[in-house]
Amino acid sequence: MKQLIPAPLTELAARLAEPLYVVGGSVRDFLAGNPAPPADWDICSPAAEEDVINAARGCGFSVDAVYKHTGTAKLTDADGTGYEFTRFRSDKYVRGVHTPAEIEFTRDIARDARRRDFCANAVYYDIRGDAFCDPLGGRGDIEKRTLRTVAPAEKVFGEDGLRLVRLARQAAQTGFIPDGECLAGAKMHHALIRDIAPERIFHEMQLLLHADGKAGGREGPYRGLHILKDTLVLGELFPELAAGKGMAQRPDFHDYDVLEHSLRCVLYSAPAIRWAALLHDVGKPFCFARDNNFHAHPEEGACIAAHILARLKAPKKLAERTQALIRLHMRDFDMKMREGKVRREMVVSYPLLDDLFALRQADYSACKDDLSPAPGVEKWRRILAAMRAEGVPFTLKELALTGSDLLSLGIRGEKVGETLSALLLYCAQDGRRNSREALIKHIRQTKKETL
């Protein structure tokens, strides 16, 4: 562990009269055999935050924030690495509220450990002493790859609703398995997630949906989503999605109900489309309740997904792209669309094509766990390759005419943009049309036909 500690942190520990510890995920991951420096370090000590801040400034750290009520300071070293220092303390909560209602500072490391969430995260590393301190038996949990709460699970989850999502996220990232008491405690208090700020929930869900980049491996996000489902937290966060549980689909296309298919779509999806994969069929329960069929689910699902992501205060660009992908994911699902229309669709949706292909492949694989290429994606890729070979323009920059050219032809105002878009669709049918002379001739002919 000593080799992982940044030099400024080693210097800071040497300057303090009290021991300075690293705690949390960085220690857990090291002991689990995944020694990688974290993006931010969690450090703690019985020392007062003022003493740590003064010593940190002497080591060249900048002090970004100080929260005296919780004994917390956010620091950054000269290399830009971030640290969150917290003084040893014991917390008391009002049921379900994320922020402690009462705080008592302590010198007892075991009391500090018991304010945390899981024993695997409550192993401390003494930087100066180069030794581990394990007041709650967390090293044994790490060896067994188990998540066990630091106190009775009913108390731990009853104190802080955010821990409900953190349980699923950490299981997804680490591959650790929550014990039975842990799952039962989370399920008992699943409704407390309603008290948590949506920004915090979105942040945790982002980490969960991309947990395959951590030690938990490829199935991490899928495993985390199942923990949310089994503890009933998923139904609190995404009732529109959870409504698909037990909703059967055509057995010739699907082996799973709507909800399980959606979770498996995440399993088979690329990182860039995780939200679209999770929510791509969120319109099915709504459509079935209204129409007794799924026919309009892409359009309705896009609207529902927009509401969900707005509720979580997700970034606008992510929400808009997710909504567009969901709306398009069933295009040509029966492969009966004529090539000319496919060409137009690909030009119109060109910025989304890579993600759309990835979503349609994940959707196909999630139906029957079939990893072979999706036939619909293969069809569109063949047509796309032919279009590129012909020199079909997909963007205005690739078009042989510019807005200035249209002005010289007497086209003004909104008609400039409309004409350029129409020319892209005209060229979509045959790339040889994309020459200045051919396009000017087409514009003049179109003008004559409209007179």
Protein backbone atom coordinates (compact mmCIF):
# COMPACT_ATOMS: atom_id res chain seq x y z
CA MET A 1 0.00 0.00 0.00
CA LYS A 2 2.87 2.33 0.81
CA GLN A 3 3.90 2.52 -2.86
CA LEU A 4 0.45 3.79 -3.85
CA ILE A 5 0.42 6.74 -1.45
CA PRO A 6 1.20 10.06 -3.21
CA ALA A 7 4.36 11.76 -1.93
CA PRO A 8 2.49 14.89 -0.71
CA LEU A 9 0.22 12.70 1.40
CA THR A 10 3.23 10.92 2.93
CA GLU A 11 4.72 14.32 3.77
CA LEU A 12 1.45 15.49 5.32
CA ALA A 13 1.28 12.37 7.52
CA ALA A 14 4.86 12.98 8.70
CA ARG A 15 4.03 16.55 9.79
CA LEU A 16 1.05 15.61 11.98
CA ALA A 17 1.32 14.70 15.63
CA GLU A 18 -1.62 12.29 15.24
CA PRO A 19 -1.73 9.30 12.84
CA LEU A 20 -3.20 10.01 9.42
CA TYR A 21 -5.14 7.18 7.77
CA VAL A 22 -6.35 6.31 4.30
CA VAL A 23 -9.76 4.63 4.44
CA GLY A 24 -12.55 3.45 2.15
CA GLY A 25 -12.43 2.20 -1.40
CA SER A 26 -8.70 2.67 -2.01
CA VAL A 27 -7.80 0.41 0.93
CA ARG A 28 -10.54 -2.09 0.09
CA ASP A 29 -9.44 -2.34 -3.54
CA PHE A 30 -5.78 -2.76 -2.60
CA LEU A 31 -6.56 -5.59 -0.21
CA ALA A 32 -8.84 -7.16 -2.83
CA GLY A 33 -5.93 -7.32 -5.27
CA ASN A 34 -6.85 -4.27 -7.35
CA PRO A 35 -4.13 -1.76 -6.43
CA ALA A 36 -4.91 1.37 -8.40
CA PRO A 37 -4.66 4.98 -7.17
CA PRO A 38 -8.16 6.44 -6.79
CA ALA A 39 -9.23 9.68 -8.42
CA ASP A 40 -9.76 11.12 -4.93
CA TRP A 41 -8.42 9.89 -1.59
CA ASP A 42 -10.47 9.56 1.62
CA ILE A 43 -8.25 10.34 4.61
CA CYS A 44 -9.03 10.66 8.30
CA SER A 45 -7.45 11.18 11.70
CA PRO A 46 -8.31 11.95 15.30
CA ALA A 47 -6.55 15.29 14.64
CA ALA A 48 -8.70 18.41 14.36
CA GLU A 49 -9.31 19.68 10.87
CA GLU A 50 -7.56 22.98 11.69
CA ASP A 51 -4.33 21.12 12.48
CA VAL A 52 -4.56 19.11 9.29
CA ILE A 53 -5.30 22.21 7.21
CA ASN A 54 -2.32 24.10 8.61
CA ALA A 55 0.00 21.16 7.99
CA ALA A 56 -1.43 20.65 4.50
CA ARG A 57 -0.76 24.25 3.53
CA GLY A 58 2.82 23.80 4.69
CA CYS A 59 3.10 20.83 2.28
CA GLY A 60 1.83 22.82 -0.70
CA PHE A 61 -1.80 21.66 -0.63
CA SER A 62 -4.59 24.04 -1.50
CA VAL A 63 -7.64 24.05 0.75
CA ASP A 64 -10.77 23.97 -1.41
CA ALA A 65 -13.46 23.79 1.27
CA VAL A 66 -13.86 23.44 5.03
CA TYR A 67 -16.96 22.16 6.83
CA LYS A 68 -16.31 22.65 10.55
CA HIS A 69 -19.62 21.12 11.60
CA THR A 70 -18.58 17.73 10.18
CA GLY A 71 -14.82 18.14 10.68
CA THR A 72 -14.28 17.86 6.93
CA ALA A 73 -11.83 19.57 4.57
CA LYS A 74 -11.35 19.15 0.83
CA LEU A 75 -7.72 19.43 -0.27
CA THR A 76 -5.82 19.37 -3.55
CA ASP A 77 -2.09 18.75 -3.89
CA ALA A 78 0.21 20.46 -6.38
CA ASP A 79 -0.35 17.65 -8.91
CA GLY A 80 -4.11 18.17 -8.87
CA THR A 81 -4.96 15.04 -6.86
CA GLY A 82 -7.96 15.51 -4.56
CA TYR A 83 -8.35 14.47 -0.92
CA GLU A 84 -11.26 14.57 1.49
CA PHE A 85 -10.18 14.69 5.12
CA THR A 86 -12.64 13.86 7.89
CA ARG A 87 -11.95 13.99 11.58
CA PHE A 88 -12.83 10.84 13.56
CA ARG A 89 -16.44 11.17 14.62
CA SER A 90 -19.67 9.41 15.51
CA ASP A 91 -22.90 10.38 13.75
CA LYS A 92 -26.58 10.27 14.65
CA TYR A 93 -29.22 10.56 11.95
CA VAL A 94 -32.85 11.47 11.66
CA ARG A 95 -34.37 8.48 9.89
CA GLY A 96 -33.58 8.54 6.19
CA VAL A 97 -31.93 11.98 6.06
CA HIS A 98 -28.54 11.85 4.34
CA THR A 99 -26.90 14.55 6.51
CA PRO A 100 -26.14 13.65 10.17
CA ALA A 101 -28.37 15.38 12.71
CA GLU A 102 -25.79 15.10 15.52
CA ILE A 103 -22.00 14.75 15.34
CA GLU A 104 -19.61 13.90 18.13
CA PHE A 105 -15.87 13.99 17.50
CA THR A 106 -13.90 11.09 18.95
CA ARG A 107 -10.45 9.55 19.21
CA ASP A 108 -11.88 6.04 18.97
CA ILE A 109 -11.24 4.52 15.55
CA ALA A 110 -13.89 1.82 16.14
CA ARG A 111 -16.56 4.49 16.69
CA ASP A 112 -15.45 6.21 13.48
CA ALA A 113 -15.66 2.88 11.67
CA ARG A 114 -19.23 2.34 12.82
CA ARG A 115 -20.45 5.53 11.17
CA ARG A 116 -19.52 4.12 7.76
CA ASP A 117 -21.57 1.81 5.56
CA PHE A 118 -19.88 -1.57 5.01
CA CYS A 119 -17.13 -3.32 6.95
CA ALA A 120 -15.12 -3.78 3.75
CA ASN A 121 -14.92 0.02 3.54
CA ALA A 122 -13.90 0.42 7.20
CA VAL A 123 -10.32 -0.85 7.00
CA TYR A 124 -7.77 1.90 7.74
CA TYR A 125 -4.18 2.28 6.57
CA ASP A 126 -1.83 4.22 8.84
CA ILE A 127 0.38 6.13 6.39
CA ARG A 128 3.24 6.93 8.75
CA GLY A 129 3.10 3.60 10.55
CA ASP A 130 2.68 1.59 7.29
CA ALA A 131 0.11 -0.67 8.98
CA PHE A 132 -3.54 -1.61 8.57
CA CYS A 133 -6.11 -1.17 11.29
CA ASP A 134 -9.26 -3.30 11.04
CA PRO A 135 -11.66 -2.55 13.92
CA LEU A 136 -14.69 -4.36 12.42
CA GLY A 137 -13.21 -7.39 10.66
CA GLY A 138 -13.41 -5.85 7.20
CA ARG A 139 -10.34 -7.67 5.90
CA GLY A 140 -12.15 -10.98 6.28
CA ASP A 141 -15.08 -9.59 4.28
CA ILE A 142 -12.72 -8.42 1.56
CA GLU A 143 -11.17 -11.89 1.37
CA LYS A 144 -14.65 -13.43 1.12
CA ARG A 145 -15.80 -10.65 -1.25
CA THR A 146 -18.76 -9.87 0.98
CA LEU A 147 -20.62 -6.66 1.77
CA ARG A 148 -21.69 -6.61 5.43
CA THR A 149 -22.98 -3.52 7.21
CA VAL A 150 -20.94 -1.95 10.04
CA ALA A 151 -23.96 -2.18 12.38
CA PRO A 152 -27.33 -3.95 12.11
CA ALA A 153 -28.49 -3.47 8.54
CA GLU A 154 -31.82 -2.06 9.64
CA LYS A 155 -29.97 0.76 11.42
CA VAL A 156 -27.43 1.42 8.63
CA PHE A 157 -30.01 1.76 5.87
CA GLY A 158 -32.52 3.47 8.12
CA GLU A 159 -29.98 6.23 8.80
CA ASP A 160 -29.22 7.19 5.21
CA GLY A 161 -31.32 6.41 2.14
CA LEU A 162 -28.41 7.02 -0.22
CA ARG A 163 -26.84 3.81 1.07
CA LEU A 164 -29.59 1.90 -0.76
CA VAL A 165 -28.09 2.85 -4.12
CA ARG A 166 -24.52 2.76 -2.85
CA LEU A 167 -25.04 -0.89 -1.92
CA ALA A 168 -25.95 -1.77 -5.52
CA ARG A 169 -23.26 0.46 -6.97
CA GLN A 170 -20.47 -0.93 -4.81
CA ALA A 171 -21.56 -4.51 -5.45
CA ALA A 172 -21.50 -3.71 -9.16
CA GLN A 173 -18.05 -2.14 -9.04
CA THR A 174 -16.34 -4.65 -6.76
CA GLY A 175 -18.07 -7.92 -7.52
CA PHE A 176 -18.68 -8.32 -3.77
CA ILE A 177 -21.94 -10.02 -2.75
CA PRO A 178 -24.16 -8.44 -0.07
CA ASP A 179 -25.02 -10.83 2.75
CA GLY A 180 -28.63 -11.75 3.55
CA GLU A 181 -28.99 -9.30 6.43
CA CYS A 182 -27.68 -6.50 4.23
CA LEU A 183 -30.23 -7.19 1.48
CA ALA A 184 -33.07 -7.59 3.97
CA GLY A 185 -32.22 -4.28 5.66
CA ALA A 186 -32.10 -2.46 2.34
CA LYS A 187 -35.43 -3.95 1.28
CA MET A 188 -37.03 -2.98 4.60
CA HIS A 189 -36.06 0.67 4.07
CA HIS A 190 -36.35 0.89 0.25
CA ALA A 191 -38.78 3.83 0.42
CA LEU A 192 -36.13 6.06 2.04
CA ILE A 193 -34.58 6.61 -1.38
CA ARG A 194 -37.40 9.12 -1.91
CA ASP A 195 -35.67 11.46 0.55
CA ILE A 196 -32.42 11.64 -1.43
CA ALA A 197 -31.60 14.51 -3.79
CA PRO A 198 -31.99 13.46 -7.44
CA GLU A 199 -28.50 14.70 -8.33
CA ARG A 200 -26.99 12.23 -5.85
CA ILE A 201 -29.10 9.38 -7.22
CA PHE A 202 -28.09 10.20 -10.79
CA HIS A 203 -24.41 10.26 -9.81
CA GLU A 204 -24.65 6.84 -8.16
CA MET A 205 -26.61 5.42 -11.11
CA GLN A 206 -24.00 6.72 -13.52
CA LEU A 207 -21.31 4.88 -11.57
CA LEU A 208 -23.43 1.73 -11.40
CA LEU A 209 -24.23 1.71 -15.12
CA HIS A 210 -20.52 2.02 -15.93
CA ALA A 211 -19.26 -0.32 -13.22
CA ASP A 212 -17.90 -2.78 -15.81
CA GLY A 213 -14.82 -0.56 -15.96
CA LYS A 214 -14.02 -1.63 -12.39
CA ALA A 215 -13.09 -4.92 -10.74
CA GLY A 216 -16.67 -6.23 -10.87
CA GLY A 217 -16.25 -6.94 -14.57
CA ARG A 218 -18.63 -7.06 -17.52
CA GLU A 219 -21.66 -8.18 -15.51
CA GLY A 220 -21.23 -5.48 -12.86
CA PRO A 221 -24.00 -3.11 -14.05
CA TYR A 222 -26.42 -6.00 -14.55
CA ARG A 223 -25.65 -7.34 -11.07
CA GLY A 224 -26.14 -3.91 -9.52
CA LEU A 225 -29.48 -3.41 -11.27
CA HIS A 226 -30.67 -6.77 -9.96
CA ILE A 227 -29.81 -5.72 -6.41
CA LEU A 228 -31.89 -2.58 -6.91
CA LYS A 229 -34.72 -4.75 -8.21
CA ASP A 230 -34.51 -7.33 -5.41
CA THR A 231 -34.44 -4.67 -2.69
CA LEU A 232 -37.42 -2.85 -4.33
CA VAL A 233 -35.35 0.30 -4.78
CA LEU A 234 -35.66 0.05 -8.58
CA GLY A 235 -39.42 0.43 -8.29
CA GLU A 236 -38.95 3.61 -6.26
CA LEU A 237 -36.46 5.11 -8.70
CA PHE A 238 -38.03 3.93 -11.95
CA PRO A 239 -41.62 2.78 -11.40
CA GLU A 240 -42.26 3.06 -15.15
CA LEU A 241 -39.48 0.54 -15.79
CA ALA A 242 -40.30 -1.78 -12.88
CA ALA A 243 -43.86 -2.08 -14.20
CA GLY A 244 -42.41 -4.42 -16.85
CA LYS A 245 -41.75 -7.13 -14.24
CA GLY A 246 -43.77 -10.22 -15.13
CA MET A 247 -45.01 -8.66 -18.39
CA ALA A 248 -44.64 -11.44 -20.95
CA GLN A 249 -43.46 -10.91 -24.52
CA ARG A 250 -43.76 -13.00 -27.68
CA PRO A 251 -41.86 -16.22 -26.96
CA ASP A 252 -40.64 -16.55 -30.55
CA PHE A 253 -38.70 -13.28 -30.07
CA HIS A 254 -38.13 -13.12 -26.29
CA ASP A 255 -37.06 -15.44 -23.48
CA TYR A 256 -37.64 -12.79 -20.79
CA ASP A 257 -40.27 -10.42 -19.50
CA VAL A 258 -40.04 -6.71 -20.28
CA LEU A 259 -38.05 -5.78 -17.17
CA GLU A 260 -35.51 -8.61 -17.35
CA HIS A 261 -35.04 -7.93 -21.07
CA SER A 262 -34.26 -4.28 -20.26
CA LEU A 263 -31.70 -5.26 -17.61
CA ARG A 264 -30.08 -7.73 -20.00
CA CYS A 265 -29.95 -5.03 -22.67
CA VAL A 266 -27.68 -3.08 -20.29
CA LEU A 267 -25.57 -6.23 -19.90
CA TYR A 268 -24.97 -6.40 -23.65
CA SER A 269 -24.66 -2.66 -24.31
CA ALA A 270 -21.71 -0.36 -24.96
CA PRO A 271 -20.90 2.21 -22.23
CA ALA A 272 -22.07 5.17 -24.31
CA ILE A 273 -25.67 3.94 -24.49
CA ARG A 274 -26.32 2.57 -21.01
CA TRP A 275 -29.26 4.86 -20.22
CA ALA A 276 -30.84 4.18 -23.61
CA ALA A 277 -30.35 0.44 -23.07
CA LEU A 278 -31.96 0.57 -19.62
CA LEU A 279 -34.94 2.65 -20.75
CA HIS A 280 -35.40 1.55 -24.38
CA ASP A 281 -38.60 -0.42 -23.63
CA VAL A 282 -39.89 1.77 -20.80
CA GLY A 283 -42.90 2.63 -22.98
CA LYS A 284 -44.12 -0.98 -23.17
CA PRO A 285 -45.97 -1.13 -19.82
CA PHE A 286 -47.67 2.18 -20.56
CA CYS A 287 -48.71 1.14 -24.07
CA PHE A 288 -49.95 -2.25 -22.92
CA ALA A 289 -52.09 -0.67 -20.20
CA ARG A 290 -53.53 1.81 -22.70
CA ASP A 291 -53.72 -0.21 -25.95
CA ASN A 292 -53.24 -3.84 -24.92
CA ASN A 293 -50.20 -3.94 -27.25
CA PHE A 294 -46.67 -2.53 -27.52
CA HIS A 295 -46.98 -0.89 -30.94
CA ALA A 296 -46.26 2.74 -30.01
CA HIS A 297 -43.67 1.99 -27.32
CA PRO A 298 -40.67 3.70 -29.02
CA GLU A 299 -42.45 7.05 -29.23
CA GLU A 300 -44.11 6.79 -25.82
CA GLY A 301 -40.92 5.40 -24.29
CA ALA A 302 -38.90 8.36 -25.56
CA CYS A 303 -41.27 10.73 -23.76
CA ILE A 304 -41.25 8.67 -20.55
CA ALA A 305 -37.44 8.46 -20.61
CA ALA A 306 -37.27 12.23 -20.99
CA HIS A 307 -39.44 12.63 -17.87
CA ILE A 308 -37.29 10.13 -15.91
CA LEU A 309 -34.02 11.84 -16.81
CA ALA A 310 -35.48 15.27 -16.08
CA ARG A 311 -36.60 13.93 -12.70
CA LEU A 312 -33.00 12.88 -12.01
CA LYS A 313 -31.68 16.22 -13.29
CA ALA A 314 -29.51 14.41 -15.84
CA PRO A 315 -27.42 16.50 -18.26
CA LYS A 316 -29.52 17.88 -21.09
CA LYS A 317 -27.37 16.40 -23.87
CA LEU A 318 -27.53 12.92 -22.36
CA ALA A 319 -31.30 13.16 -21.99
CA GLU A 320 -31.83 14.37 -25.55
CA ARG A 321 -29.58 11.72 -27.07
CA THR A 322 -31.18 8.96 -24.99
CA GLN A 323 -34.64 10.12 -26.01
CA ALA A 324 -33.69 10.15 -29.70
CA LEU A 325 -32.16 6.66 -29.56
CA ILE A 326 -35.22 5.21 -27.86
CA ARG A 327 -37.50 6.76 -30.46
CA LEU A 328 -35.43 5.23 -33.28
CA HIS A 329 -34.55 1.82 -31.84
CA MET A 330 -37.33 -0.10 -33.63
CA ARG A 331 -36.82 1.43 -37.07
CA ASP A 332 -37.05 -1.31 -39.71
CA PHE A 333 -37.35 -3.97 -37.00
CA ASP A 334 -39.09 -6.30 -39.47
CA MET A 335 -36.49 -5.50 -42.19
CA LYS A 336 -39.21 -4.57 -44.69
CA MET A 337 -38.17 -0.94 -45.12
CA ARG A 338 -37.12 -0.16 -48.69
CA GLU A 339 -33.53 0.82 -49.31
CA GLY A 340 -34.43 4.33 -50.41
CA LYS A 341 -36.15 5.04 -47.12
CA VAL A 342 -33.30 3.47 -45.15
CA ARG A 343 -30.89 5.81 -46.94
CA ARG A 344 -32.97 8.83 -46.00
CA GLU A 345 -33.26 7.64 -42.40
CA MET A 346 -29.49 7.24 -42.11
CA VAL A 347 -28.78 10.70 -43.45
CA VAL A 348 -31.31 12.28 -41.08
CA SER A 349 -30.01 10.26 -38.10
CA TYR A 350 -26.35 10.23 -39.08
CA PRO A 351 -24.95 11.71 -35.81
CA LEU A 352 -26.70 8.90 -33.91
CA LEU A 353 -25.87 5.96 -36.16
CA ASP A 354 -23.04 4.38 -34.17
CA ASP A 355 -25.02 4.51 -30.94
CA LEU A 356 -28.21 3.41 -32.69
CA PHE A 357 -26.49 0.35 -34.14
CA ALA A 358 -25.06 -0.45 -30.72
CA LEU A 359 -28.49 -0.15 -29.08
CA ARG A 360 -30.19 -2.31 -31.70
CA GLN A 361 -27.47 -4.96 -31.32
CA ALA A 362 -27.83 -4.95 -27.52
CA ASP A 363 -31.63 -5.14 -27.86
CA TYR A 364 -31.30 -8.13 -30.21
CA SER A 365 -28.81 -9.92 -27.97
CA ALA A 366 -30.98 -9.35 -24.89
CA CYS A 367 -33.96 -11.13 -26.44
CA LYS A 368 -32.47 -14.63 -26.33
CA ASP A 369 -28.86 -14.04 -25.22
CA ASP A 370 -27.82 -14.25 -28.87
CA LEU A 371 -24.45 -12.56 -29.50
CA SER A 372 -24.53 -13.03 -33.26
CA PRO A 373 -24.83 -9.88 -35.40
CA ALA A 374 -28.35 -8.43 -35.41
CA PRO A 375 -29.79 -8.93 -38.93
CA GLY A 376 -31.34 -5.47 -38.98
CA VAL A 377 -28.03 -3.85 -38.07
CA GLU A 378 -26.22 -5.87 -40.72
CA LYS A 379 -28.73 -4.71 -43.36
CA TRP A 380 -28.27 -1.05 -42.44
CA ARG A 381 -24.48 -1.41 -42.31
CA ARG A 382 -24.44 -2.90 -45.81
CA ILE A 383 -26.48 0.01 -47.13
CA LEU A 384 -24.29 2.49 -45.23
CA ALA A 385 -21.14 0.97 -46.76
CA ALA A 386 -22.66 1.30 -50.25
CA MET A 387 -23.57 4.92 -49.59
CA ARG A 388 -20.05 5.74 -48.45
CA ALA A 389 -18.58 4.00 -51.49
CA GLU A 390 -20.77 6.20 -53.69
CA GLY A 391 -19.62 9.35 -51.90
CA VAL A 392 -23.02 10.17 -50.41
CA PRO A 393 -22.72 13.29 -48.22
CA PHE A 394 -23.97 12.84 -44.66
CA THR A 395 -23.30 16.36 -43.41
CA LEU A 396 -23.68 19.84 -44.88
CA LYS A 397 -19.90 20.15 -44.85
CA GLU A 398 -19.71 17.23 -47.31
CA LEU A 399 -22.33 18.71 -49.63
CA ALA A 400 -20.98 20.14 -52.90
CA LEU A 401 -23.08 23.32 -52.49
CA THR A 402 -22.88 25.83 -49.66
CA GLY A 403 -25.23 28.43 -48.26
CA SER A 404 -23.33 31.09 -50.19
CA ASP A 405 -23.99 29.20 -53.42
CA LEU A 406 -27.70 29.21 -52.67
CA LEU A 407 -27.67 32.95 -52.00
CA SER A 408 -26.15 33.49 -55.43
CA LEU A 409 -29.04 31.48 -56.87
CA GLY A 410 -31.56 33.81 -55.24
CA ILE A 411 -32.49 31.58 -52.32
CA ARG A 412 -32.91 33.55 -49.08
CA GLY A 413 -33.82 33.24 -45.42
CA GLU A 414 -35.20 30.00 -44.03
CA LYS A 415 -35.24 28.53 -47.53
CA VAL A 416 -31.42 28.23 -47.41
CA GLY A 417 -31.46 25.68 -44.58
CA GLU A 418 -34.49 23.89 -45.99
CA THR A 419 -32.87 23.59 -49.41
CA LEU A 420 -29.56 22.28 -48.03
CA SER A 421 -31.39 19.64 -46.01
CA ALA A 422 -33.43 18.65 -49.06
CA LEU A 423 -30.23 18.34 -51.11
CA LEU A 424 -28.74 15.96 -48.54
CA LEU A 425 -31.78 13.71 -48.89
CA TYR A 426 -31.60 14.00 -52.69
CA CYS A 427 -27.96 12.86 -52.66
CA ALA A 428 -28.76 10.04 -50.24
CA GLN A 429 -30.26 8.06 -53.12
CA ASP A 430 -27.16 8.31 -55.30
CA GLY A 431 -23.80 9.75 -54.29
CA ARG A 432 -23.06 10.75 -57.88
CA ARG A 433 -25.60 13.53 -57.48
CA ASN A 434 -23.23 15.35 -55.13
CA SER A 435 -21.56 17.66 -57.63
CA ARG A 436 -22.00 21.41 -57.89
CA GLU A 437 -23.35 21.27 -61.41
CA ALA A 438 -25.79 18.42 -60.72
CA LEU A 439 -27.15 20.07 -57.60
CA ILE A 440 -27.63 23.47 -59.27
CA LYS A 441 -29.42 21.73 -62.13
CA HIS A 442 -31.64 19.92 -59.61
CA ILE A 443 -32.48 23.18 -57.81
CA ARG A 444 -33.43 24.89 -61.08
CA GLN A 445 -35.54 21.95 -62.17
CA THR A 446 -37.31 21.89 -58.83
CA LYS A 447 -38.03 25.61 -59.13
CA LYS A 448 -39.61 25.08 -62.56
CA GLU A 449 -41.78 22.27 -61.25
CA THR A 450 -43.12 24.47 -58.45
CA LEU A 451 -44.00 27.37 -60.70
